[in-house]
Amino acid sequence: MTAKKEISDLLVAAAQQAMAAGDLPSIALPDATVEHPQKSGFGDYASSIALKLSRAAKPRQALDIAKILVSHLPASAIVGQAEVAPPGFINFTLSDNWLKRQVETIVAAGDEFGSVDLGKREKVQVEFVSANPVGPLHVGNGRGAILGSTLANILAKAGQEVTREYYLNDAGSQLDAFFRTLWARYRQALGQEAEIPADGYAGTYMSDLAGEIVASEGDRFLRLPEAEALTALGQLGMARIIDWIKTDLRNIGVEFDVWFSEKSLYANSQFDQAFSLLKERGYVVEREGAVWFASTALGEDKDTVVIRSNGTPTYFASDIAYHYNKFVERGFDRVIDIWGADHQGHVNRMKVVLSALGIDPSRLGILITQLVTLKRGSEVIKISKRTGDIITLREVIEEVGADACRFFFLARSADSQMDFDLALAKEQSQENPVYYVQYAHARIASILRTAAEKGIGYEDGDVDLLSTEPELTLIRKMLEFPELVELAAVNLEPHHLPHYSQELAGIFHSFYKQCRVISEDDQLTKARLKLVHAAKIALANALDLMGMTAPERM
């Protein structure tokens, strides 16, 4: 249980005791929300529960209610002081003795430090990246990949049963255009005249792909009937693109539990089942030769085409079937979709169709990732130096490394556009937040190595000797980690992790400057080594959630 939750529970108990004693009227209790004060000098935590209670407990003033609650607070080792402040806040300062004991708790927890219980174990699917398998991943895909994988890590840390899924768009018009483009490039690579289709893919990667296939397969596709050759070549090309995608994702530490095929939605009749259900419920209309989802009946501005007049299903048709599969067939309690900025207009439509299927739309969370601008210092990078067209995720990984990619992509909330400074990401200085955080971990590892080389054991270190402000400040910051995991899991906000890790690294560096760890005082040395060990656990666990390495040396 987090310190925040413990204090919240104390407030609830105080309110119940005050009502039982007749000091407060028996009224419904609001949430006993506890937060960190935004300004120093107001304790470690603060609650405005008295202000909320005053609305129903008239004529009592919030300040009086706060004093009553403090008088009824149960005795607890966690609270050193509880003070009332106008207009009715209750400020809590943690007990120094309790704080010191938490070093032992963190060390004992080890890799499990930061794990929280959200109250119930849910079956959660996180679907992310899901780029069409018609080309290499670009920088925007990378942002979604890292956001999704980190969010999945956080939800697992919060006790959820998480499935990481990539949705392969292996059907539809874009794939057809990819097949026809590759056929043209393949023929060109073999010296034949061939024109790229107007709706084809002009990137140089298509020529590279055709060249690879010629090198491994020769001209055998030219000896097949054209329709057969186009399909066979296209399938081979798509498989190679998927291999590219998997390699790039693996290189930034992203793995999936499931690769789900769009084609299977039609082969396994999920679309037919979902469509029949919509029809039964009266949400399907036919007009202009097409089949429409009657979304206006549920408050949308216009209806949406599901099956075109030529008989082919739209992307929306596949999305309907896919989410039917997620919620109805596979039984996920919650689904989180991570989409690119171009899908913003699709969010409400997806929620509406869930309602039409009889699924609570609140069970679907959708995060939209905004655009990424690549820079080197003040220079904006628009095209790849290597190919003269799109900048691929692979190029960025090769230039700055996986850890920098992960940290920088996570550093802004998903709904914010971001600048990614490649020059800064490669700097080995305190200006580079990745270097700064990882250097803190390497410094901690160095201290513990030195202690081991000197034969200093600290298992019996007495944490009661940790009494200075730098020591206690470091403990306070470590204890925020489980709270941050809970916040990020509930609000689907992984961007808190990079900021927390920077703050923790900064506080550790400050502690290190002010408090000599290995000194002539053997007992104090052992106590501080135990504190340093706890800091290593907290920082390593934060880096691990972000999918980053925690280096022992730098």
Protein backbone atom coordinates (compact mmCIF):
# COMPACT_ATOMS: atom_id res chain seq x y z
CA MET A 1 0.00 0.00 0.00
CA THR A 2 1.31 3.46 -0.88
CA ALA A 3 1.80 6.19 1.74
CA LYS A 4 -0.87 8.19 -0.05
CA LYS A 5 -3.39 5.35 0.29
CA GLU A 6 -2.53 4.82 3.97
CA ILE A 7 -3.18 8.48 4.76
CA SER A 8 -6.39 8.43 2.74
CA ASP A 9 -7.57 5.44 4.79
CA LEU A 10 -6.70 7.28 8.01
CA LEU A 11 -8.87 10.22 6.94
CA VAL A 12 -11.81 7.95 6.17
CA ALA A 13 -11.45 6.30 9.59
CA ALA A 14 -11.24 9.73 11.27
CA ALA A 15 -14.42 10.90 9.54
CA GLN A 16 -16.27 7.74 10.52
CA GLN A 17 -15.16 8.09 14.14
CA ALA A 18 -16.17 11.76 14.18
CA MET A 19 -19.65 10.86 12.92
CA ALA A 20 -19.99 8.01 15.44
CA ALA A 21 -19.04 10.43 18.23
CA GLY A 22 -21.56 13.01 17.03
CA ASP A 23 -18.88 15.58 16.22
CA LEU A 24 -19.94 15.49 12.57
CA PRO A 25 -23.37 14.74 11.10
CA SER A 26 -23.83 11.37 9.40
CA ILE A 27 -23.35 12.22 5.74
CA ALA A 28 -21.97 10.47 2.66
CA LEU A 29 -18.20 10.62 2.62
CA PRO A 30 -16.53 12.14 -0.43
CA ASP A 31 -13.30 10.68 -1.79
CA ALA A 32 -10.52 11.25 0.71
CA THR A 33 -8.16 12.49 -1.98
CA VAL A 34 -4.56 12.98 -0.87
CA GLU A 35 -1.99 14.84 -2.96
CA HIS A 36 1.52 16.21 -2.69
CA PRO A 37 1.40 19.97 -1.93
CA GLN A 38 2.56 22.07 -4.86
CA LYS A 39 4.52 24.39 -2.56
CA SER A 40 7.12 23.49 0.05
CA GLY A 41 6.41 24.09 3.71
CA PHE A 42 3.02 22.35 3.69
CA GLY A 43 4.13 18.85 4.61
CA ASP A 44 4.47 15.75 2.45
CA TYR A 45 0.77 15.26 1.68
CA ALA A 46 -2.36 17.37 1.84
CA SER A 47 -6.10 16.68 1.70
CA SER A 48 -9.08 18.91 0.98
CA ILE A 49 -11.64 16.43 2.35
CA ALA A 50 -12.81 18.98 4.94
CA LEU A 51 -13.66 21.46 2.18
CA LYS A 52 -15.75 18.79 0.46
CA LEU A 53 -17.49 17.79 3.70
CA SER A 54 -18.35 21.40 4.51
CA ARG A 55 -20.76 21.53 1.58
CA ALA A 56 -22.97 18.91 3.24
CA ALA A 57 -22.14 19.54 6.91
CA LYS A 58 -23.41 23.11 7.09
CA PRO A 59 -23.25 25.33 9.06
CA ARG A 60 -19.83 23.99 10.06
CA GLN A 61 -16.87 25.68 8.40
CA ALA A 62 -14.24 23.66 6.57
CA LEU A 63 -11.54 24.79 9.00
CA ASP A 64 -13.54 23.47 11.98
CA ILE A 65 -14.21 20.18 10.18
CA ALA A 66 -10.50 19.80 9.45
CA LYS A 67 -9.69 20.27 13.17
CA ILE A 68 -12.32 17.67 14.11
CA LEU A 69 -10.88 15.17 11.63
CA VAL A 70 -7.35 15.68 12.96
CA SER A 71 -8.58 15.12 16.52
CA HIS A 72 -10.08 11.78 15.46
CA LEU A 73 -7.13 10.52 13.39
CA PRO A 74 -6.20 6.98 14.51
CA ALA A 75 -2.70 6.55 15.83
CA SER A 76 -0.34 5.60 13.01
CA ALA A 77 3.38 5.13 12.62
CA ILE A 78 3.30 6.83 9.23
CA VAL A 79 2.19 10.31 10.35
CA GLY A 80 4.70 12.50 12.14
CA GLN A 81 2.47 15.57 12.16
CA ALA A 82 -0.99 16.56 10.93
CA GLU A 83 -1.73 20.29 10.73
CA VAL A 84 -4.74 22.31 9.68
CA ALA A 85 -4.32 25.21 7.27
CA PRO A 86 -6.89 27.74 5.95
CA PRO A 87 -9.36 27.48 4.41
CA GLY A 88 -9.60 23.82 5.52
CA PHE A 89 -6.66 21.79 4.29
CA ILE A 90 -5.05 19.04 6.35
CA ASN A 91 -1.30 18.80 5.81
CA PHE A 92 0.57 15.64 6.75
CA THR A 93 4.28 15.27 7.43
CA LEU A 94 5.64 11.75 7.39
CA SER A 95 7.29 10.42 10.50
CA ASP A 96 11.10 10.39 10.26
CA ASN A 97 11.22 7.01 12.00
CA TRP A 98 8.70 5.54 9.56
CA LEU A 99 10.62 7.01 6.62
CA LYS A 100 13.85 5.36 7.73
CA ARG A 101 12.13 1.97 8.02
CA GLN A 102 11.06 2.21 4.38
CA VAL A 103 14.65 1.69 3.26
CA GLU A 104 14.38 -1.85 4.62
CA THR A 105 11.02 -2.28 2.87
CA ILE A 106 12.43 -1.22 -0.50
CA VAL A 107 15.47 -3.48 -0.17
CA ALA A 108 13.27 -6.42 0.80
CA ALA A 109 10.92 -5.79 -2.15
CA GLY A 110 13.73 -5.65 -4.71
CA ASP A 111 12.37 -6.03 -8.25
CA GLU A 112 8.82 -5.93 -6.88
CA PHE A 113 9.24 -2.43 -5.47
CA GLY A 114 6.73 -0.20 -7.23
CA SER A 115 4.13 -2.91 -7.72
CA VAL A 116 0.63 -1.77 -6.77
CA ASP A 117 -2.81 -3.32 -6.50
CA LEU A 118 -5.52 -1.41 -8.36
CA GLY A 119 -8.24 -3.34 -6.56
CA LYS A 120 -9.05 -5.96 -9.15
CA ARG A 121 -7.07 -7.99 -11.67
CA GLU A 122 -8.40 -7.20 -15.13
CA LYS A 123 -7.70 -8.82 -18.47
CA VAL A 124 -6.36 -5.90 -20.53
CA GLN A 125 -5.34 -5.75 -24.17
CA VAL A 126 -2.99 -3.02 -25.35
CA GLU A 127 -2.96 -2.76 -29.15
CA PHE A 128 -0.27 -0.49 -30.57
CA VAL A 129 1.86 0.31 -33.62
CA SER A 130 -0.33 -1.73 -36.03
CA ALA A 131 1.27 0.01 -39.01
CA ASN A 132 0.23 -1.32 -42.42
CA PRO A 133 2.83 -3.91 -43.56
CA VAL A 134 3.58 -1.98 -46.73
CA GLY A 135 6.76 -0.17 -45.69
CA PRO A 136 9.32 0.34 -42.90
CA LEU A 137 8.34 1.89 -39.59
CA HIS A 138 8.72 5.65 -39.37
CA VAL A 139 9.41 7.87 -36.38
CA GLY A 140 5.73 8.30 -35.53
CA ASN A 141 5.33 4.52 -35.37
CA GLY A 142 8.27 4.45 -32.97
CA ARG A 143 6.55 6.87 -30.60
CA GLY A 144 3.44 4.67 -30.52
CA ALA A 145 5.55 1.53 -30.05
CA ILE A 146 7.39 2.88 -27.04
CA LEU A 147 4.31 4.44 -25.51
CA GLY A 148 2.38 1.17 -25.88
CA SER A 149 5.09 -1.13 -24.58
CA THR A 150 5.75 1.11 -21.56
CA LEU A 151 2.06 1.41 -20.77
CA ALA A 152 1.77 -2.38 -20.93
CA ASN A 153 4.71 -2.66 -18.50
CA ILE A 154 3.03 -0.22 -16.12
CA LEU A 155 -0.32 -2.02 -16.22
CA ALA A 156 1.41 -5.33 -15.50
CA LYS A 157 3.23 -3.68 -12.57
CA ALA A 158 -0.20 -2.59 -11.34
CA GLY A 159 -1.39 -6.20 -11.25
CA GLN A 160 -3.24 -6.39 -14.57
CA GLU A 161 -3.15 -9.36 -16.96
CA VAL A 162 -1.82 -7.67 -20.09
CA THR A 163 -1.80 -8.83 -23.71
CA ARG A 164 0.40 -6.82 -26.10
CA GLU A 165 -1.01 -6.97 -29.62
CA TYR A 166 -0.10 -5.83 -33.13
CA TYR A 167 -2.98 -5.66 -35.64
CA LEU A 168 -1.74 -6.55 -39.12
CA ASN A 169 -3.68 -4.78 -41.88
CA ASP A 170 -3.08 -7.64 -44.32
CA ALA A 171 -6.19 -6.95 -46.42
CA GLY A 172 -7.65 -4.02 -48.33
CA SER A 173 -6.77 -1.49 -51.01
CA GLN A 174 -3.44 -0.38 -49.55
CA LEU A 175 -2.12 -3.91 -49.69
CA ASP A 176 -3.32 -4.23 -53.29
CA ALA A 177 -1.40 -1.05 -54.19
CA PHE A 178 1.67 -2.44 -52.43
CA PHE A 179 1.46 -5.70 -54.43
CA ARG A 180 1.18 -3.84 -57.75
CA THR A 181 4.07 -1.50 -56.87
CA LEU A 182 6.33 -4.38 -55.91
CA TRP A 183 5.46 -6.21 -59.14
CA ALA A 184 6.50 -3.15 -61.13
CA ARG A 185 9.76 -2.71 -59.16
CA TYR A 186 10.54 -6.42 -59.48
CA ARG A 187 10.16 -6.29 -63.25
CA GLN A 188 12.28 -3.11 -63.42
CA ALA A 189 15.01 -4.82 -61.36
CA LEU A 190 15.06 -7.54 -64.03
CA GLY A 191 15.42 -5.03 -66.85
CA GLN A 192 11.79 -4.87 -67.98
CA GLU A 193 9.73 -1.77 -68.66
CA ALA A 194 7.12 -1.33 -65.93
CA GLU A 195 5.16 1.67 -64.66
CA ILE A 196 4.53 2.37 -60.98
CA PRO A 197 0.75 2.56 -60.37
CA ALA A 198 -0.67 6.00 -59.64
CA ASP A 199 -1.71 4.90 -56.13
CA GLY A 200 1.53 2.99 -55.57
CA TYR A 201 4.38 3.43 -53.10
CA ALA A 202 7.15 5.65 -54.40
CA GLY A 203 9.67 5.15 -51.59
CA THR A 204 13.12 3.88 -52.48
CA TYR A 205 12.59 1.03 -50.05
CA MET A 206 10.36 -0.63 -52.68
CA SER A 207 13.31 -0.82 -55.08
CA ASP A 208 15.48 -2.19 -52.27
CA LEU A 209 12.85 -4.81 -51.48
CA ALA A 210 12.52 -5.83 -55.13
CA GLY A 211 16.32 -6.10 -55.34
CA GLU A 212 16.43 -8.38 -52.29
CA ILE A 213 13.79 -10.66 -53.81
CA VAL A 214 15.58 -10.81 -57.16
CA ALA A 215 18.82 -11.73 -55.33
CA SER A 216 17.13 -14.61 -53.47
CA GLU A 217 14.41 -15.72 -55.91
CA GLY A 218 15.72 -14.75 -59.34
CA ASP A 219 13.20 -14.28 -62.15
CA ARG A 220 10.91 -17.16 -61.23
CA PHE A 221 7.85 -14.90 -60.78
CA LEU A 222 8.12 -13.80 -64.43
CA ARG A 223 7.41 -17.37 -65.46
CA LEU A 224 4.04 -17.39 -63.68
CA PRO A 225 0.73 -16.01 -64.99
CA GLU A 226 0.67 -12.32 -64.04
CA ALA A 227 -2.23 -12.53 -61.55
CA GLU A 228 -0.62 -15.49 -59.81
CA ALA A 229 2.81 -13.83 -59.86
CA LEU A 230 1.47 -10.57 -58.45
CA THR A 231 -0.14 -12.36 -55.47
CA ALA A 232 2.78 -14.69 -54.75
CA LEU A 233 5.35 -11.89 -55.05
CA GLY A 234 3.19 -9.55 -52.96
CA GLN A 235 2.80 -12.10 -50.17
CA LEU A 236 6.56 -12.66 -50.11
CA GLY A 237 7.19 -8.90 -50.08
CA MET A 238 4.72 -8.37 -47.23
CA ALA A 239 6.37 -11.15 -45.20
CA ARG A 240 9.73 -9.41 -45.63
CA ILE A 241 8.28 -6.05 -44.60
CA ILE A 242 6.83 -7.71 -41.48
CA ASP A 243 10.29 -9.11 -40.73
CA TRP A 244 11.71 -5.57 -41.06
CA ILE A 245 9.06 -4.30 -38.66
CA LYS A 246 9.71 -7.05 -36.12
CA THR A 247 13.46 -6.41 -36.28
CA ASP A 248 13.06 -2.67 -35.73
CA LEU A 249 10.68 -3.24 -32.83
CA ARG A 250 12.99 -5.80 -31.27
CA ASN A 251 15.85 -3.30 -31.54
CA ILE A 252 13.96 -0.85 -29.31
CA GLY A 253 12.85 -3.53 -26.87
CA VAL A 254 9.28 -3.96 -28.11
CA GLU A 255 7.79 -7.45 -28.22
CA PHE A 256 4.22 -8.58 -28.86
CA ASP A 257 2.24 -11.49 -27.47
CA VAL A 258 -0.12 -11.57 -30.47
CA TRP A 259 0.18 -10.61 -34.14
CA PHE A 260 -3.46 -10.47 -35.24
CA SER A 261 -4.40 -10.78 -38.92
CA GLU A 262 -7.13 -8.55 -40.37
CA LYS A 263 -7.86 -11.24 -42.98
CA SER A 264 -8.79 -13.66 -40.21
CA LEU A 265 -11.75 -11.45 -39.28
CA TYR A 266 -13.41 -12.42 -42.55
CA ALA A 267 -12.07 -15.96 -42.79
CA ASN A 268 -13.32 -16.76 -39.27
CA SER A 269 -16.67 -14.95 -39.69
CA GLN A 270 -16.12 -12.33 -36.95
CA PHE A 271 -17.28 -9.63 -39.34
CA ASP A 272 -20.43 -11.60 -40.22
CA GLN A 273 -21.26 -12.08 -36.55
CA ALA A 274 -20.71 -8.43 -35.60
CA PHE A 275 -22.58 -7.23 -38.68
CA SER A 276 -25.54 -9.51 -37.94
CA LEU A 277 -25.73 -8.16 -34.40
CA LEU A 278 -25.77 -4.55 -35.65
CA LYS A 279 -28.47 -5.49 -38.15
CA GLU A 280 -30.61 -7.15 -35.46
CA ARG A 281 -30.35 -4.01 -33.34
CA GLY A 282 -31.48 -1.81 -36.22
CA TYR A 283 -28.20 -0.01 -36.85
CA VAL A 284 -27.67 -1.07 -40.48
CA VAL A 285 -29.17 0.82 -43.45
CA GLU A 286 -28.71 0.38 -47.20
CA ARG A 287 -28.67 3.29 -49.61
CA GLU A 288 -26.78 4.46 -52.69
CA GLY A 289 -25.79 0.84 -53.29
CA ALA A 290 -23.72 0.74 -50.10
CA VAL A 291 -24.29 -0.56 -46.57
CA TRP A 292 -24.08 1.98 -43.75
CA PHE A 293 -23.78 1.95 -39.96
CA ALA A 294 -26.60 4.21 -38.74
CA SER A 295 -24.42 6.17 -36.35
CA THR A 296 -26.75 9.19 -36.50
CA ALA A 297 -29.21 7.14 -34.43
CA LEU A 298 -26.63 7.29 -31.64
CA GLY A 299 -25.80 10.98 -31.89
CA GLU A 300 -23.17 11.11 -34.64
CA ASP A 301 -23.39 13.85 -37.31
CA LYS A 302 -23.46 11.38 -40.19
CA ASP A 303 -23.76 7.68 -40.93
CA THR A 304 -20.65 5.66 -41.83
CA VAL A 305 -20.10 3.32 -44.78
CA VAL A 306 -19.39 -0.27 -43.76
CA ILE A 307 -19.56 -2.01 -47.15
CA ARG A 308 -18.85 0.00 -50.29
CA SER A 309 -21.07 -0.11 -53.35
CA ASN A 310 -18.55 -2.44 -55.02
CA GLY A 311 -19.06 -4.96 -52.21
CA THR A 312 -15.73 -4.50 -50.42
CA PRO A 313 -15.66 -3.77 -46.68
CA THR A 314 -14.17 -0.50 -45.38
CA TYR A 315 -11.49 -0.15 -42.72
CA PHE A 316 -14.30 0.71 -40.32
CA ALA A 317 -15.91 -2.67 -41.07
CA SER A 318 -12.69 -4.38 -40.03
CA ASP A 319 -12.48 -2.26 -36.87
CA ILE A 320 -16.02 -3.25 -35.92
CA ALA A 321 -15.20 -6.93 -36.35
CA TYR A 322 -11.86 -6.59 -34.56
CA HIS A 323 -13.36 -4.94 -31.49
CA TYR A 324 -16.19 -7.48 -31.46
CA ASN A 325 -13.47 -10.12 -31.38
CA LYS A 326 -11.63 -8.33 -28.55
CA PHE A 327 -14.58 -7.79 -26.25
CA VAL A 328 -17.05 -10.55 -27.09
CA GLU A 329 -14.97 -13.47 -28.34
CA ARG A 330 -11.75 -13.04 -26.35
CA GLY A 331 -13.39 -11.41 -23.34
CA PHE A 332 -11.01 -8.58 -22.53
CA ASP A 333 -12.24 -6.48 -19.61
CA ARG A 334 -10.52 -3.42 -21.04
CA VAL A 335 -8.97 -2.58 -24.39
CA ILE A 336 -6.50 0.24 -25.00
CA ASP A 337 -5.88 1.29 -28.59
CA ILE A 338 -2.92 3.53 -29.40
CA TRP A 339 -3.44 5.33 -32.71
CA GLY A 340 -1.63 7.95 -34.75
CA ALA A 341 -2.69 11.59 -35.04
CA ASP A 342 -4.58 10.92 -38.30
CA HIS A 343 -7.11 8.75 -36.41
CA GLN A 344 -8.47 11.49 -34.14
CA GLY A 345 -11.79 11.68 -35.99
CA HIS A 346 -12.29 7.94 -35.61
CA VAL A 347 -12.40 7.90 -31.79
CA ASN A 348 -16.03 8.82 -31.17
CA ARG A 349 -17.23 6.63 -34.04
CA MET A 350 -15.54 3.63 -32.44
CA LYS A 351 -17.13 4.37 -29.07
CA VAL A 352 -20.54 4.72 -30.72
CA VAL A 353 -20.34 1.39 -32.52
CA LEU A 354 -19.44 -0.35 -29.25
CA SER A 355 -22.65 1.02 -27.75
CA ALA A 356 -24.54 -0.34 -30.76
CA LEU A 357 -22.98 -3.78 -30.12
CA GLY A 358 -24.08 -3.64 -26.48
CA ILE A 359 -20.56 -3.11 -25.13
CA ASP A 360 -19.89 -0.41 -22.53
CA PRO A 361 -17.74 2.14 -24.42
CA SER A 362 -15.94 3.10 -21.20
CA ARG A 363 -14.15 -0.25 -21.47
CA LEU A 364 -12.27 1.10 -24.51
CA GLY A 365 -9.44 3.56 -23.95
CA ILE A 366 -7.95 5.28 -26.99
CA LEU A 367 -4.68 7.22 -26.91
CA ILE A 368 -3.80 9.42 -29.87
CA THR A 369 -0.09 10.06 -30.38
CA GLN A 370 0.77 13.42 -31.89
CA LEU A 371 3.46 14.21 -34.43
CA VAL A 372 7.21 14.07 -33.86
CA THR A 373 9.61 16.69 -35.23
CA LEU A 374 13.19 15.48 -35.57
CA LYS A 375 15.94 18.05 -34.98
CA ARG A 376 19.68 18.31 -34.69
CA GLY A 377 20.01 21.29 -32.42
CA SER A 378 17.97 24.03 -34.08
CA GLU A 379 17.93 22.31 -37.51
CA VAL A 380 14.69 20.56 -38.42
CA ILE A 381 15.29 17.26 -40.26
CA LYS A 382 12.68 16.56 -42.92
CA ILE A 383 14.12 13.82 -45.10
CA SER A 384 16.49 10.91 -44.79
CA LYS A 385 20.08 11.60 -45.83
CA ARG A 386 20.40 7.96 -46.85
CA THR A 387 17.40 7.63 -49.16
CA GLY A 388 16.14 11.16 -49.75
CA ASP A 389 12.62 10.32 -48.50
CA ILE A 390 11.06 9.29 -45.19
CA ILE A 391 13.21 9.00 -42.06
CA THR A 392 12.76 5.49 -40.75
CA LEU A 393 12.70 4.41 -37.14
CA ARG A 394 15.71 2.21 -37.90
CA GLU A 395 17.82 5.23 -38.84
CA VAL A 396 16.98 6.97 -35.57
CA ILE A 397 17.78 3.85 -33.52
CA GLU A 398 21.11 3.47 -35.32
CA GLU A 399 22.00 7.11 -34.65
CA VAL A 400 21.07 7.54 -30.98
CA GLY A 401 20.43 4.04 -29.59
CA ALA A 402 17.39 2.31 -28.15
CA ASP A 403 17.57 3.82 -24.67
CA ALA A 404 17.58 7.39 -25.96
CA CYS A 405 14.70 6.58 -28.31
CA ARG A 406 12.62 5.19 -25.49
CA PHE A 407 13.32 8.01 -23.04
CA PHE A 408 12.78 10.87 -25.49
CA PHE A 409 9.61 9.41 -27.00
CA LEU A 410 8.18 8.95 -23.50
CA ALA A 411 9.14 12.39 -22.20
CA ARG A 412 6.00 14.13 -23.48
CA SER A 413 2.37 13.16 -23.01
CA ALA A 414 0.89 11.29 -25.97
CA ASP A 415 -1.42 14.17 -26.89
CA SER A 416 1.47 16.67 -27.17
CA GLN A 417 3.50 17.26 -30.29
CA MET A 418 7.17 16.77 -29.55
CA ASP A 419 10.62 17.74 -30.75
CA PHE A 420 13.26 14.99 -30.71
CA ASP A 421 16.75 16.50 -30.66
CA LEU A 422 19.10 13.84 -32.07
CA ALA A 423 22.18 15.88 -31.14
CA LEU A 424 21.11 16.16 -27.50
CA ALA A 425 20.23 12.45 -27.36
CA LYS A 426 23.85 11.58 -28.23
CA GLU A 427 25.51 13.98 -25.78
CA GLN A 428 27.40 12.48 -22.86
CA SER A 429 26.67 15.32 -20.48
CA GLN A 430 24.22 16.31 -17.78
CA GLU A 431 22.26 18.21 -20.43
CA ASN A 432 21.16 14.88 -21.88
CA PRO A 433 18.49 13.48 -19.52
CA VAL A 434 19.17 9.90 -20.62
CA TYR A 435 22.85 10.18 -19.77
CA TYR A 436 22.02 12.00 -16.52
CA VAL A 437 19.65 9.28 -15.29
CA GLN A 438 21.76 6.32 -16.37
CA TYR A 439 24.90 7.93 -14.93
CA ALA A 440 23.15 8.10 -11.54
CA HIS A 441 22.57 4.35 -11.68
CA ALA A 442 26.17 3.71 -12.76
CA ARG A 443 27.43 5.93 -9.92
CA ILE A 444 25.35 3.94 -7.41
CA ALA A 445 26.72 0.68 -8.83
CA SER A 446 30.25 2.05 -8.49
CA ILE A 447 29.71 2.92 -4.82
CA LEU A 448 28.39 -0.57 -4.06
CA ARG A 449 31.28 -2.15 -6.01
CA THR A 450 33.79 -0.14 -4.01
CA ALA A 451 32.16 -1.29 -0.78
CA ALA A 452 32.33 -4.91 -1.92
CA GLU A 453 36.01 -4.52 -2.87
CA LYS A 454 36.70 -3.15 0.62
CA GLY A 455 34.82 -6.05 2.17
CA ILE A 456 32.12 -3.84 3.66
CA GLY A 457 28.83 -5.64 4.20
CA TYR A 458 25.76 -3.54 4.93
CA GLU A 459 23.00 -6.08 5.47
CA ASP A 460 23.00 -5.16 9.17
CA GLY A 461 23.15 -1.42 8.48
CA ASP A 462 21.08 0.54 11.04
CA VAL A 463 18.68 2.79 9.11
CA ASP A 464 17.96 4.75 12.30
CA LEU A 465 21.26 6.52 11.66
CA LEU A 466 19.81 8.13 8.51
CA SER A 467 18.80 11.49 9.90
CA THR A 468 20.05 14.25 7.61
CA GLU A 469 17.75 16.12 5.24
CA PRO A 470 19.49 14.83 2.04
CA GLU A 471 19.00 11.25 3.25
CA LEU A 472 15.34 11.71 4.17
CA THR A 473 14.64 13.63 0.95
CA LEU A 474 16.03 10.71 -1.06
CA ILE A 475 13.78 8.26 0.81
CA ARG A 476 10.75 10.49 0.21
CA LYS A 477 11.41 10.55 -3.52
CA MET A 478 11.83 6.77 -3.68
CA LEU A 479 8.46 6.31 -1.97
CA GLU A 480 6.77 8.28 -4.73
CA PHE A 481 7.53 5.50 -7.21
CA PRO A 482 4.59 3.18 -6.35
CA GLU A 483 2.29 6.22 -6.37
CA LEU A 484 3.54 7.15 -9.82
CA VAL A 485 2.95 3.62 -11.11
CA GLU A 486 -0.64 3.80 -9.86
CA LEU A 487 -1.17 7.26 -11.38
CA ALA A 488 0.26 6.19 -14.74
CA ALA A 489 -1.82 2.99 -14.78
CA VAL A 490 -5.10 4.68 -13.89
CA ASN A 491 -4.68 7.67 -16.22
CA LEU A 492 -2.76 5.82 -18.98
CA GLU A 493 0.10 8.31 -18.71
CA PRO A 494 3.56 6.74 -19.09
CA HIS A 495 5.18 10.16 -19.56
CA HIS A 496 5.45 10.56 -15.77
CA LEU A 497 8.24 7.96 -15.67
CA PRO A 498 11.01 9.94 -17.43
CA HIS A 499 10.31 12.98 -15.25
CA TYR A 500 10.33 10.91 -12.07
CA SER A 501 13.59 9.19 -13.00
CA GLN A 502 15.24 12.57 -13.66
CA GLU A 503 14.06 13.90 -10.31
CA LEU A 504 15.22 10.78 -8.48
CA ALA A 505 18.62 10.95 -10.22
CA GLY A 506 18.95 14.64 -9.33
CA ILE A 507 18.12 14.03 -5.66
CA PHE A 508 20.59 11.15 -5.54
CA HIS A 509 23.35 13.27 -7.09
CA SER A 510 22.60 15.97 -4.47
CA PHE A 511 22.69 13.41 -1.64
CA TYR A 512 26.01 12.06 -2.95
CA LYS A 513 27.58 15.52 -2.90
CA GLN A 514 26.38 16.29 0.63
CA CYS A 515 26.75 12.90 2.34
CA ARG A 516 29.93 10.88 2.13
CA VAL A 517 28.79 7.28 1.81
CA ILE A 518 31.96 5.31 2.63
CA SER A 519 33.66 7.00 5.56
CA GLU A 520 35.62 6.18 8.72
CA ASP A 521 32.34 5.83 10.61
CA ASP A 522 31.64 2.15 10.00
CA GLN A 523 28.06 2.17 11.26
CA LEU A 524 27.05 5.25 9.29
CA THR A 525 28.76 3.78 6.22
CA LYS A 526 26.64 0.64 6.46
CA ALA A 527 23.44 2.63 6.92
CA ARG A 528 24.17 4.82 3.91
CA LEU A 529 25.16 1.85 1.76
CA LYS A 530 21.77 0.31 2.51
CA LEU A 531 20.13 3.59 1.49
CA VAL A 532 22.20 3.64 -1.72
CA HIS A 533 21.15 0.04 -2.42
CA ALA A 534 17.49 1.07 -2.05
CA ALA A 535 18.05 3.99 -4.44
CA LYS A 536 19.57 1.60 -6.97
CA ILE A 537 16.45 -0.59 -6.78
CA ALA A 538 14.09 2.35 -7.26
CA LEU A 539 16.02 3.80 -10.19
CA ALA A 540 16.56 0.43 -11.87
CA ASN A 541 12.86 -0.42 -11.56
CA ALA A 542 11.87 2.92 -13.12
CA LEU A 543 14.30 2.33 -16.00
CA ASP A 544 13.00 -1.20 -16.40
CA LEU A 545 9.39 0.00 -16.73
CA MET A 546 10.56 2.36 -19.48
CA GLY A 547 12.26 -0.58 -21.20
CA MET A 548 15.70 0.95 -20.71
CA THR A 549 18.97 -0.52 -19.50
CA ALA A 550 20.37 0.27 -16.05
CA PRO A 551 24.14 0.38 -16.71
CA GLU A 552 26.60 -0.72 -14.03
CA ARG A 553 29.41 1.29 -15.61
CA MET A 554 29.61 4.38 -17.85
